[in-house]
Amino acid sequence: MCLARTLGADADEDPLEWNEHCAGDQSTRFNRARGDLSADRWEKQVPTMFFLFASFTVVYFLVVAAFLPETKGKTLEEIEAHFEAA
């Protein structure tokens, strides 16, 4: 359809203007179709993403617990000495 518009453009009209319009129109149709497809898989995607992000949180918690010291009630000098010793 867009190619026909470009080929059928008048001499006064800029064919690139038609192409830009058609490119936007095609991308809109593609995004809507893609959205419809992903909506069908929504029930499968939600648990997968939940467990993926939950696993990231568990890994983050373990790294923090293992590598970051408790700093409550310590002075900056004590914290600095802890990191210099390591």
PDB file of N, CA and C in Angstrom:
ATOM      1  N   MET A   1       0.827  -1.180   0.000  1.00  0.00           N
ATOM      2  CA  MET A   1       0.000   0.000   0.000  1.00  0.00           C
ATOM      3  C   MET A   1       0.874   1.248   0.000  1.00  0.00           C
ATOM      4  N   CYS A   2       1.924   1.262   0.812  1.00  0.00           N
ATOM      5  CA  CYS A   2       2.783   2.439   0.877  1.00  0.00           C
ATOM      6  C   CYS A   2       3.590   2.611  -0.400  1.00  0.00           C
ATOM      7  N   LEU A   3       3.996   1.490  -0.990  1.00  0.00           N
ATOM      8  CA  LEU A   3       4.745   1.586  -2.234  1.00  0.00           C
ATOM      9  C   LEU A   3       3.862   2.179  -3.322  1.00  0.00           C
ATOM     10  N   ALA A   4       2.600   1.792  -3.346  1.00  0.00           N
ATOM     11  CA  ALA A   4       1.673   2.350  -4.335  1.00  0.00           C
ATOM     12  C   ALA A   4       1.496   3.843  -4.110  1.00  0.00           C
ATOM     13  N   ARG A   5       1.459   4.264  -2.876  1.00  0.00           N
ATOM     14  CA  ARG A   5       1.349   5.695  -2.601  1.00  0.00           C
ATOM     15  C   ARG A   5       2.577   6.426  -3.110  1.00  0.00           C
ATOM     16  N   THR A   6       3.749   5.843  -2.890  1.00  0.00           N
ATOM     17  CA  THR A   6       4.988   6.489  -3.319  1.00  0.00           C
ATOM     18  C   THR A   6       5.044   6.571  -4.840  1.00  0.00           C
ATOM     19  N   LEU A   7       4.693   5.487  -5.495  1.00  0.00           N
ATOM     20  CA  LEU A   7       4.741   5.479  -6.958  1.00  0.00           C
ATOM     21  C   LEU A   7       3.659   6.379  -7.555  1.00  0.00           C
ATOM     22  N   GLY A   8       2.540   6.525  -6.854  1.00  0.00           N
ATOM     23  CA  GLY A   8       1.440   7.320  -7.372  1.00  0.00           C
ATOM     24  C   GLY A   8       1.459   8.764  -6.898  1.00  0.00           C
ATOM     25  N   ALA A   9       2.555   9.188  -6.259  1.00  0.00           N
ATOM     26  CA  ALA A   9       2.625  10.550  -5.736  1.00  0.00           C
ATOM     27  C   ALA A   9       2.672  11.556  -6.880  1.00  0.00           C
ATOM     28  N   ASP A  10       2.059  12.686  -6.667  1.00  0.00           N
ATOM     29  CA  ASP A  10       2.097  13.750  -7.663  1.00  0.00           C
ATOM     30  C   ASP A  10       3.484  14.354  -7.725  1.00  0.00           C
ATOM     31  N   ALA A  11       3.751  15.116  -8.773  1.00  0.00           N
ATOM     32  CA  ALA A  11       5.056  15.752  -8.946  1.00  0.00           C
ATOM     33  C   ALA A  11       5.296  16.793  -7.846  1.00  0.00           C
ATOM     34  N   ASP A  12       4.228  17.392  -7.324  1.00  0.00           N
ATOM     35  CA  ASP A  12       4.378  18.404  -6.277  1.00  0.00           C
ATOM     36  C   ASP A  12       4.637  17.794  -4.906  1.00  0.00           C
ATOM     37  N   GLU A  13       4.306  16.529  -4.720  1.00  0.00           N
ATOM     38  CA  GLU A  13       4.457  15.894  -3.417  1.00  0.00           C
ATOM     39  C   GLU A  13       5.835  15.260  -3.283  1.00  0.00           C
ATOM     40  N   ASP A  14       6.318  15.266  -2.091  1.00  0.00           N
ATOM     41  CA  ASP A  14       7.619  14.667  -1.808  1.00  0.00           C
ATOM     42  C   ASP A  14       7.425  13.185  -1.508  1.00  0.00           C
ATOM     43  N   PRO A  15       8.023  12.277  -2.297  1.00  0.00           N
ATOM     44  CA  PRO A  15       7.817  10.849  -2.052  1.00  0.00           C
ATOM     45  C   PRO A  15       8.386  10.398  -0.701  1.00  0.00           C
ATOM     46  N   LEU A  16       9.415  11.087  -0.186  1.00  0.00           N
ATOM     47  CA  LEU A  16       9.974  10.707   1.107  1.00  0.00           C
ATOM     48  C   LEU A  16       8.982  10.949   2.228  1.00  0.00           C
ATOM     49  N   GLU A  17       8.152  11.965   2.067  1.00  0.00           N
ATOM     50  CA  GLU A  17       7.135  12.234   3.072  1.00  0.00           C
ATOM     51  C   GLU A  17       6.168  11.063   3.160  1.00  0.00           C
ATOM     52  N   TRP A  18       5.814  10.511   2.033  1.00  0.00           N
ATOM     53  CA  TRP A  18       4.934   9.349   2.037  1.00  0.00           C
ATOM     54  C   TRP A  18       5.620   8.159   2.693  1.00  0.00           C
ATOM     55  N   ASN A  19       6.904   7.967   2.403  1.00  0.00           N
ATOM     56  CA  ASN A  19       7.629   6.834   2.974  1.00  0.00           C
ATOM     57  C   ASN A  19       7.711   6.935   4.488  1.00  0.00           C
ATOM     58  N   GLU A  20       7.939   8.142   5.012  1.00  0.00           N
ATOM     59  CA  GLU A  20       7.997   8.303   6.461  1.00  0.00           C
ATOM     60  C   GLU A  20       6.648   7.976   7.088  1.00  0.00           C
ATOM     61  N   HIS A  21       5.580   8.411   6.437  1.00  0.00           N
ATOM     62  CA  HIS A  21       4.246   8.111   6.947  1.00  0.00           C
ATOM     63  C   HIS A  21       4.011   6.605   6.941  1.00  0.00           C
ATOM     64  N   CYS A  22       4.377   5.966   5.865  1.00  0.00           N
ATOM     65  CA  CYS A  22       4.143   4.532   5.743  1.00  0.00           C
ATOM     66  C   CYS A  22       4.998   3.749   6.729  1.00  0.00           C
ATOM     67  N   ALA A  23       6.229   4.176   6.962  1.00  0.00           N
ATOM     68  CA  ALA A  23       7.088   3.481   7.915  1.00  0.00           C
ATOM     69  C   ALA A  23       6.479   3.533   9.311  1.00  0.00           C
ATOM     70  N   GLY A  24       5.947   4.674   9.685  1.00  0.00           N
ATOM     71  CA  GLY A  24       5.289   4.785  10.983  1.00  0.00           C
ATOM     72  C   GLY A  24       4.057   3.909  11.053  1.00  0.00           C
ATOM     73  N   ASP A  25       3.324   3.864   9.969  1.00  0.00           N
ATOM     74  CA  ASP A  25       2.118   3.047   9.922  1.00  0.00           C
ATOM     75  C   ASP A  25       2.464   1.570  10.046  1.00  0.00           C
ATOM     76  N   GLN A  26       3.511   1.135   9.364  1.00  0.00           N
ATOM     77  CA  GLN A  26       3.920  -0.268   9.429  1.00  0.00           C
ATOM     78  C   GLN A  26       4.425  -0.630  10.814  1.00  0.00           C
ATOM     79  N   SER A  27       5.212   0.252  11.436  1.00  0.00           N
ATOM     80  CA  SER A  27       5.728  -0.059  12.769  1.00  0.00           C
ATOM     81  C   SER A  27       4.589  -0.115  13.788  1.00  0.00           C
ATOM     82  N   THR A  28       3.573   0.730  13.601  1.00  0.00           N
ATOM     83  CA  THR A  28       2.423   0.692  14.505  1.00  0.00           C
ATOM     84  C   THR A  28       1.692  -0.637  14.374  1.00  0.00           C
ATOM     85  N   ARG A  29       1.490  -1.079  13.153  1.00  0.00           N
ATOM     86  CA  ARG A  29       0.820  -2.362  12.955  1.00  0.00           C
ATOM     87  C   ARG A  29       1.639  -3.506  13.542  1.00  0.00           C
ATOM     88  N   PHE A  30       2.951  -3.458  13.360  1.00  0.00           N
ATOM     89  CA  PHE A  30       3.829  -4.506  13.898  1.00  0.00           C
ATOM     90  C   PHE A  30       3.754  -4.532  15.419  1.00  0.00           C
ATOM     91  N   ASN A  31       3.827  -3.373  16.055  1.00  0.00           N
ATOM     92  CA  ASN A  31       3.792  -3.319  17.513  1.00  0.00           C
ATOM     93  C   ASN A  31       2.456  -3.797  18.062  1.00  0.00           C
ATOM     94  N   ARG A  32       1.372  -3.472  17.391  1.00  0.00           N
ATOM     95  CA  ARG A  32       0.057  -3.948  17.852  1.00  0.00           C
ATOM     96  C   ARG A  32      -0.046  -5.456  17.728  1.00  0.00           C
ATOM     97  N   ALA A  33       0.451  -6.007  16.622  1.00  0.00           N
ATOM     98  CA  ALA A  33       0.418  -7.459  16.431  1.00  0.00           C
ATOM     99  C   ALA A  33       1.301  -8.146  17.473  1.00  0.00           C
ATOM    100  N   ARG A  34       2.448  -7.583  17.735  1.00  0.00           N
ATOM    101  CA  ARG A  34       3.353  -8.148  18.736  1.00  0.00           C
ATOM    102  C   ARG A  34       2.711  -8.084  20.122  1.00  0.00           C
ATOM    103  N   GLY A  35       2.024  -7.006  20.416  1.00  0.00           N
ATOM    104  CA  GLY A  35       1.342  -6.884  21.697  1.00  0.00           C
ATOM    105  C   GLY A  35       0.251  -7.921  21.857  1.00  0.00           C
ATOM    106  N   ASP A  36      -0.454  -8.216  20.785  1.00  0.00           N
ATOM    107  CA  ASP A  36      -1.490  -9.249  20.841  1.00  0.00           C
ATOM    108  C   ASP A  36      -0.881 -10.615  21.113  1.00  0.00           C
ATOM    109  N   LEU A  37       0.275 -10.884  20.514  1.00  0.00           N
ATOM    110  CA  LEU A  37       0.930 -12.162  20.742  1.00  0.00           C
ATOM    111  C   LEU A  37       1.400 -12.289  22.181  1.00  0.00           C
ATOM    112  N   SER A  38       1.982 -11.233  22.712  1.00  0.00           N
ATOM    113  CA  SER A  38       2.488 -11.327  24.076  1.00  0.00           C
ATOM    114  C   SER A  38       1.346 -11.381  25.088  1.00  0.00           C
ATOM    115  N   ALA A  39       0.204 -10.815  24.769  1.00  0.00           N
ATOM    116  CA  ALA A  39      -0.934 -10.894  25.676  1.00  0.00           C
ATOM    117  C   ALA A  39      -1.413 -12.339  25.808  1.00  0.00           C
ATOM    118  N   ASP A  40      -1.285 -13.118  24.743  1.00  0.00           N
ATOM    119  CA  ASP A  40      -1.678 -14.521  24.801  1.00  0.00           C
ATOM    120  C   ASP A  40      -0.761 -15.329  25.707  1.00  0.00           C
ATOM    121  N   ARG A  41       0.488 -14.911  25.808  1.00  0.00           N
ATOM    122  CA  ARG A  41       1.459 -15.641  26.630  1.00  0.00           C
ATOM    123  C   ARG A  41       1.623 -15.027  28.012  1.00  0.00           C
ATOM    124  N   TRP A  42       0.766 -14.110  28.380  1.00  0.00           N
ATOM    125  CA  TRP A  42       0.901 -13.370  29.640  1.00  0.00           C
ATOM    126  C   TRP A  42       0.940 -14.311  30.841  1.00  0.00           C
ATOM    127  N   GLU A  43       0.066 -15.317  30.851  1.00  0.00           N
ATOM    128  CA  GLU A  43      -0.008 -16.224  31.999  1.00  0.00           C
ATOM    129  C   GLU A  43       1.280 -17.007  32.188  1.00  0.00           C
ATOM    130  N   LYS A  44       2.013 -17.272  31.113  1.00  0.00           N
ATOM    131  CA  LYS A  44       3.277 -17.991  31.226  1.00  0.00           C
ATOM    132  C   LYS A  44       4.422 -17.050  31.581  1.00  0.00           C
ATOM    133  N   GLN A  45       4.339 -15.807  31.159  1.00  0.00           N
ATOM    134  CA  GLN A  45       5.437 -14.869  31.364  1.00  0.00           C
ATOM    135  C   GLN A  45       5.511 -14.357  32.794  1.00  0.00           C
ATOM    136  N   VAL A  46       4.392 -14.140  33.438  1.00  0.00           N
ATOM    137  CA  VAL A  46       4.387 -13.541  34.767  1.00  0.00           C
ATOM    138  C   VAL A  46       5.125 -14.409  35.781  1.00  0.00           C
ATOM    139  N   PRO A  47       4.832 -15.692  35.912  1.00  0.00           N
ATOM    140  CA  PRO A  47       5.579 -16.494  36.888  1.00  0.00           C
ATOM    141  C   PRO A  47       7.068 -16.584  36.542  1.00  0.00           C
ATOM    142  N   THR A  48       7.381 -16.666  35.279  1.00  0.00           N
ATOM    143  CA  THR A  48       8.786 -16.745  34.875  1.00  0.00           C
ATOM    144  C   THR A  48       9.540 -15.494  35.293  1.00  0.00           C
ATOM    145  N   MET A  49       8.978 -14.339  35.021  1.00  0.00           N
ATOM    146  CA  MET A  49       9.646 -13.091  35.387  1.00  0.00           C
ATOM    147  C   MET A  49       9.704 -12.936  36.903  1.00  0.00           C
ATOM    148  N   PHE A  50       8.665 -13.360  37.610  1.00  0.00           N
ATOM    149  CA  PHE A  50       8.677 -13.271  39.062  1.00  0.00           C
ATOM    150  C   PHE A  50       9.829 -14.081  39.635  1.00  0.00           C
ATOM    151  N   PHE A  51       9.977 -15.328  39.202  1.00  0.00           N
ATOM    152  CA  PHE A  51      11.030 -16.175  39.753  1.00  0.00           C
ATOM    153  C   PHE A  51      12.417 -15.722  39.297  1.00  0.00           C
ATOM    154  N   LEU A  52      12.512 -15.139  38.118  1.00  0.00           N
ATOM    155  CA  LEU A  52      13.793 -14.590  37.675  1.00  0.00           C
ATOM    156  C   LEU A  52      14.224 -13.452  38.590  1.00  0.00           C
ATOM    157  N   PHE A  53      13.337 -12.494  38.830  1.00  0.00           N
ATOM    158  CA  PHE A  53      13.688 -11.362  39.684  1.00  0.00           C
ATOM    159  C   PHE A  53      13.832 -11.793  41.144  1.00  0.00           C
ATOM    160  N   ALA A  54      13.066 -12.780  41.581  1.00  0.00           N
ATOM    161  CA  ALA A  54      13.223 -13.292  42.943  1.00  0.00           C
ATOM    162  C   ALA A  54      14.597 -13.934  43.106  1.00  0.00           C
ATOM    163  N   SER A  55      15.058 -14.643  42.094  1.00  0.00           N
ATOM    164  CA  SER A  55      16.395 -15.251  42.181  1.00  0.00           C
ATOM    165  C   SER A  55      17.483 -14.179  42.198  1.00  0.00           C
ATOM    166  N   PHE A  56      17.303 -13.089  41.445  1.00  0.00           N
ATOM    167  CA  PHE A  56      18.261 -11.978  41.514  1.00  0.00           C
ATOM    168  C   PHE A  56      18.319 -11.412  42.925  1.00  0.00           C
ATOM    169  N   THR A  57      17.163 -11.300  43.569  1.00  0.00           N
ATOM    170  CA  THR A  57      17.108 -10.752  44.923  1.00  0.00           C
ATOM    171  C   THR A  57      17.824 -11.668  45.912  1.00  0.00           C
ATOM    172  N   VAL A  58      17.638 -12.971  45.778  1.00  0.00           N
ATOM    173  CA  VAL A  58      18.309 -13.918  46.668  1.00  0.00           C
ATOM    174  C   VAL A  58      19.817 -13.833  46.489  1.00  0.00           C
ATOM    175  N   VAL A  59      20.284 -13.783  45.249  1.00  0.00           N
ATOM    176  CA  VAL A  59      21.721 -13.671  44.981  1.00  0.00           C
ATOM    177  C   VAL A  59      22.259 -12.367  45.560  1.00  0.00           C
ATOM    178  N   TYR A  60      21.536 -11.279  45.368  1.00  0.00           N
ATOM    179  CA  TYR A  60      21.965  -9.993  45.912  1.00  0.00           C
ATOM    180  C   TYR A  60      22.054 -10.058  47.432  1.00  0.00           C
ATOM    181  N   PHE A  61      21.057 -10.644  48.078  1.00  0.00           N
ATOM    182  CA  PHE A  61      21.060 -10.756  49.535  1.00  0.00           C
ATOM    183  C   PHE A  61      22.263 -11.561  50.017  1.00  0.00           C
ATOM    184  N   LEU A  62      22.579 -12.678  49.357  1.00  0.00           N
ATOM    185  CA  LEU A  62      23.720 -13.500  49.758  1.00  0.00           C
ATOM    186  C   LEU A  62      25.035 -12.749  49.589  1.00  0.00           C
ATOM    187  N   VAL A  63      25.179 -12.000  48.502  1.00  0.00           N
ATOM    188  CA  VAL A  63      26.399 -11.216  48.282  1.00  0.00           C
ATOM    189  C   VAL A  63      26.536 -10.147  49.356  1.00  0.00           C
ATOM    190  N   VAL A  64      25.470  -9.461  49.667  1.00  0.00           N
ATOM    191  CA  VAL A  64      25.515  -8.417  50.703  1.00  0.00           C
ATOM    192  C   VAL A  64      25.851  -9.037  52.050  1.00  0.00           C
ATOM    193  N   ALA A  65      25.215 -10.153  52.393  1.00  0.00           N
ATOM    194  CA  ALA A  65      25.455 -10.788  53.685  1.00  0.00           C
ATOM    195  C   ALA A  65      26.888 -11.296  53.803  1.00  0.00           C
ATOM    196  N   ALA A  66      27.477 -11.740  52.691  1.00  0.00           N
ATOM    197  CA  ALA A  66      28.815 -12.320  52.738  1.00  0.00           C
ATOM    198  C   ALA A  66      29.928 -11.280  52.667  1.00  0.00           C
ATOM    199  N   PHE A  67      29.720 -10.196  51.931  1.00  0.00           N
ATOM    200  CA  PHE A  67      30.835  -9.292  51.648  1.00  0.00           C
ATOM    201  C   PHE A  67      30.745  -7.917  52.292  1.00  0.00           C
ATOM    202  N   LEU A  68      29.594  -7.507  52.763  1.00  0.00           N
ATOM    203  CA  LEU A  68      29.481  -6.191  53.369  1.00  0.00           C
ATOM    204  C   LEU A  68      29.365  -6.319  54.889  1.00  0.00           C
ATOM    205  N   PRO A  69      30.240  -5.643  55.614  1.00  0.00           N
ATOM    206  CA  PRO A  69      30.210  -5.766  57.070  1.00  0.00           C
ATOM    207  C   PRO A  69      29.099  -4.924  57.696  1.00  0.00           C
ATOM    208  N   GLU A  70      28.752  -5.278  58.906  1.00  0.00           N
ATOM    209  CA  GLU A  70      27.797  -4.477  59.671  1.00  0.00           C
ATOM    210  C   GLU A  70      28.510  -3.216  60.144  1.00  0.00           C
ATOM    211  N   THR A  71      27.899  -2.072  59.930  1.00  0.00           N
ATOM    212  CA  THR A  71      28.544  -0.800  60.277  1.00  0.00           C
ATOM    213  C   THR A  71      27.810  -0.063  61.393  1.00  0.00           C
ATOM    214  N   LYS A  72      26.744  -0.642  61.912  1.00  0.00           N
ATOM    215  CA  LYS A  72      25.978   0.032  62.963  1.00  0.00           C
ATOM    216  C   LYS A  72      26.820   0.102  64.244  1.00  0.00           C
ATOM    217  N   GLY A  73      26.962   1.306  64.782  1.00  0.00           N
ATOM    218  CA  GLY A  73      27.702   1.497  66.022  1.00  0.00           C
ATOM    219  C   GLY A  73      29.208   1.519  65.863  1.00  0.00           C
ATOM    220  N   LYS A  74      29.722   1.513  64.645  1.00  0.00           N
ATOM    221  CA  LYS A  74      31.169   1.551  64.424  1.00  0.00           C
ATOM    222  C   LYS A  74      31.571   2.924  63.913  1.00  0.00           C
ATOM    223  N   THR A  75      32.795   3.312  64.249  1.00  0.00           N
ATOM    224  CA  THR A  75      33.306   4.586  63.753  1.00  0.00           C
ATOM    225  C   THR A  75      33.853   4.388  62.352  1.00  0.00           C
ATOM    226  N   LEU A  76      34.089   5.503  61.666  1.00  0.00           N
ATOM    227  CA  LEU A  76      34.661   5.424  60.319  1.00  0.00           C
ATOM    228  C   LEU A  76      36.044   4.790  60.346  1.00  0.00           C
ATOM    229  N   GLU A  77      36.796   5.027  61.401  1.00  0.00           N
ATOM    230  CA  GLU A  77      38.136   4.445  61.505  1.00  0.00           C
ATOM    231  C   GLU A  77      38.060   2.923  61.623  1.00  0.00           C
ATOM    232  N   GLU A  78      37.086   2.425  62.366  1.00  0.00           N
ATOM    233  CA  GLU A  78      36.931   0.963  62.491  1.00  0.00           C
ATOM    234  C   GLU A  78      36.518   0.335  61.163  1.00  0.00           C
ATOM    235  N   ILE A  79      35.637   1.001  60.442  1.00  0.00           N
ATOM    236  CA  ILE A  79      35.215   0.501  59.135  1.00  0.00           C
ATOM    237  C   ILE A  79      36.375   0.512  58.161  1.00  0.00           C
ATOM    238  N   GLU A  80      37.165   1.591  58.186  1.00  0.00           N
ATOM    239  CA  GLU A  80      38.326   1.692  57.305  1.00  0.00           C
ATOM    240  C   GLU A  80      39.330   0.592  57.644  1.00  0.00           C
ATOM    241  N   ALA A  81      39.559   0.328  58.926  1.00  0.00           N
ATOM    242  CA  ALA A  81      40.491  -0.718  59.325  1.00  0.00           C
ATOM    243  C   ALA A  81      40.014  -2.084  58.848  1.00  0.00           C
ATOM    244  N   HIS A  82      38.696  -2.309  58.859  1.00  0.00           N
ATOM    245  CA  HIS A  82      38.158  -3.572  58.379  1.00  0.00           C
ATOM    246  C   HIS A  82      38.470  -3.799  56.907  1.00  0.00           C
ATOM    247  N   PHE A  83      38.302  -2.762  56.082  1.00  0.00           N
ATOM    248  CA  PHE A  83      38.556  -2.910  54.653  1.00  0.00           C
ATOM    249  C   PHE A  83      40.031  -2.952  54.319  1.00  0.00           C
ATOM    250  N   GLU A  84      40.868  -2.305  55.124  1.00  0.00           N
ATOM    251  CA  GLU A  84      42.309  -2.359  54.890  1.00  0.00           C
ATOM    252  C   GLU A  84      42.859  -3.727  55.247  1.00  0.00           C
ATOM    253  N   ALA A  85      42.282  -4.385  56.225  1.00  0.00           N
ATOM    254  CA  ALA A  85      42.745  -5.702  56.629  1.00  0.00           C
ATOM    255  C   ALA A  85      42.407  -6.758  55.575  1.00  0.00           C
ATOM    256  N   ALA A  86      41.380  -6.551  54.834  1.00  0.00           N
ATOM    257  CA  ALA A  86      40.941  -7.550  53.853  1.00  0.00           C
ATOM    258  C   ALA A  86      41.733  -7.523  52.584  1.00  0.00           C
TER     259      ALA A  86
END
